[in-house]
C-alpha atoms as a PDB file:
ATOM      1  CA  VAL A   1     -28.970 -40.368  18.726  1.00  0.00           C
ATOM      2  CA  LYS A   2     -30.214 -37.807  16.152  1.00  0.00           C
ATOM      3  CA  ARG A   3     -30.532 -38.482  12.275  1.00  0.00           C
ATOM      4  CA  GLY A   4     -28.161 -37.621   9.593  1.00  0.00           C
ATOM      5  CA  GLY A   5     -24.484 -36.556  10.030  1.00  0.00           C
ATOM      6  CA  ILE A   6     -22.929 -39.414   8.680  1.00  0.00           C
ATOM      7  CA  ILE A   7     -19.745 -38.836   7.192  1.00  0.00           C
ATOM      8  CA  ASN A   8     -18.277 -42.391   6.522  1.00  0.00           C
ATOM      9  CA  PRO A   9     -19.951 -45.490   7.468  1.00  0.00           C
ATOM     10  CA  THR A  10     -17.007 -47.626   6.732  1.00  0.00           C
ATOM     11  CA  GLY A  11     -16.484 -49.683  10.201  1.00  0.00           C
ATOM     12  CA  ALA A  12     -19.698 -48.795  11.615  1.00  0.00           C
ATOM     13  CA  GLY A  13     -20.403 -52.505  12.258  1.00  0.00           C
ATOM     14  CA  ASP A  14     -17.223 -52.861  13.898  1.00  0.00           C
ATOM     15  CA  PHE A  15     -17.631 -50.184  16.496  1.00  0.00           C
ATOM     16  CA  PHE A  16     -21.384 -51.549  17.218  1.00  0.00           C
ATOM     17  CA  ALA A  17     -20.206 -54.942  17.943  1.00  0.00           C
ATOM     18  CA  ALA A  18     -17.659 -53.410  20.091  1.00  0.00           C
ATOM     19  CA  GLY A  19     -20.160 -51.210  22.080  1.00  0.00           C
ATOM     20  CA  PHE A  20     -22.627 -53.957  22.567  1.00  0.00           C
ATOM     21  CA  ILE A  21     -19.978 -56.606  23.759  1.00  0.00           C
ATOM     22  CA  HIS A  22     -18.453 -53.950  26.024  1.00  0.00           C
ATOM     23  CA  ALA A  23     -21.997 -53.103  27.709  1.00  0.00           C
ATOM     24  CA  ILE A  24     -22.622 -57.025  28.099  1.00  0.00           C
ATOM     25  CA  VAL A  25     -19.500 -57.514  29.590  1.00  0.00           C
ATOM     26  CA  GLU A  26     -20.036 -54.615  32.252  1.00  0.00           C
ATOM     27  CA  GLY A  27     -23.244 -56.335  33.014  1.00  0.00           C
ATOM     28  CA  LEU A  28     -26.058 -54.080  31.062  1.00  0.00           C
ATOM     29  CA  SER A  29     -29.041 -55.649  29.937  1.00  0.00           C
ATOM     30  CA  ILE A  30     -29.564 -56.764  26.152  1.00  0.00           C
ATOM     31  CA  GLU A  31     -31.655 -53.764  25.658  1.00  0.00           C
ATOM     32  CA  GLU A  32     -29.200 -51.603  27.129  1.00  0.00           C
ATOM     33  CA  SER A  33     -26.210 -53.013  25.354  1.00  0.00           C
ATOM     34  CA  LEU A  34     -28.105 -52.325  21.987  1.00  0.00           C
ATOM     35  CA  ILE A  35     -28.371 -48.945  22.849  1.00  0.00           C
ATOM     36  CA  GLU A  36     -24.661 -48.600  23.595  1.00  0.00           C
ATOM     37  CA  GLY A  37     -23.604 -50.062  20.284  1.00  0.00           C
ATOM     38  CA  ILE A  38     -25.444 -47.645  18.556  1.00  0.00           C
ATOM     39  CA  LYS A  39     -24.152 -44.749  20.469  1.00  0.00           C
ATOM     40  CA  THR A  40     -20.575 -46.122  20.029  1.00  0.00           C
ATOM     41  CA  SER A  41     -21.273 -46.746  16.177  1.00  0.00           C
ATOM     42  CA  TYR A  42     -22.663 -43.047  15.727  1.00  0.00           C
ATOM     43  CA  GLN A  43     -20.127 -41.488  17.102  1.00  0.00           C
ATOM     44  CA  PHE A  44     -17.754 -43.068  14.851  1.00  0.00           C
ATOM     45  CA  ILE A  45     -19.400 -42.263  11.589  1.00  0.00           C
ATOM     46  CA  SER A  46     -20.272 -39.059  12.539  1.00  0.00           C
ATOM     47  CA  ASN A  47     -16.607 -37.757  12.951  1.00  0.00           C
ATOM     48  CA  PRO A  48     -13.927 -37.761   9.979  1.00  0.00           C
ATOM     49  CA  SER A  49     -11.582 -40.717   9.985  1.00  0.00           C
ATOM     50  CA  PRO A  50      -8.131 -40.455   9.026  1.00  0.00           C
ATOM     51  CA  TYR A  51      -7.093 -41.602   5.629  1.00  0.00           C
ATOM     52  CA  PHE A  52      -3.818 -42.944   4.741  1.00  0.00           C
END
């Protein structure tokens, strides 16, 4: 994951938790699951979110 590129951090924790829990359920180790959580969160915060 590269630094910078954060467009909107709102929801980053929710997406981190989703990625982490998904990885745990899939049988990944804690370390691998943390990495997946970070990747999932970064993908979300580095893209524009729709606003209503």
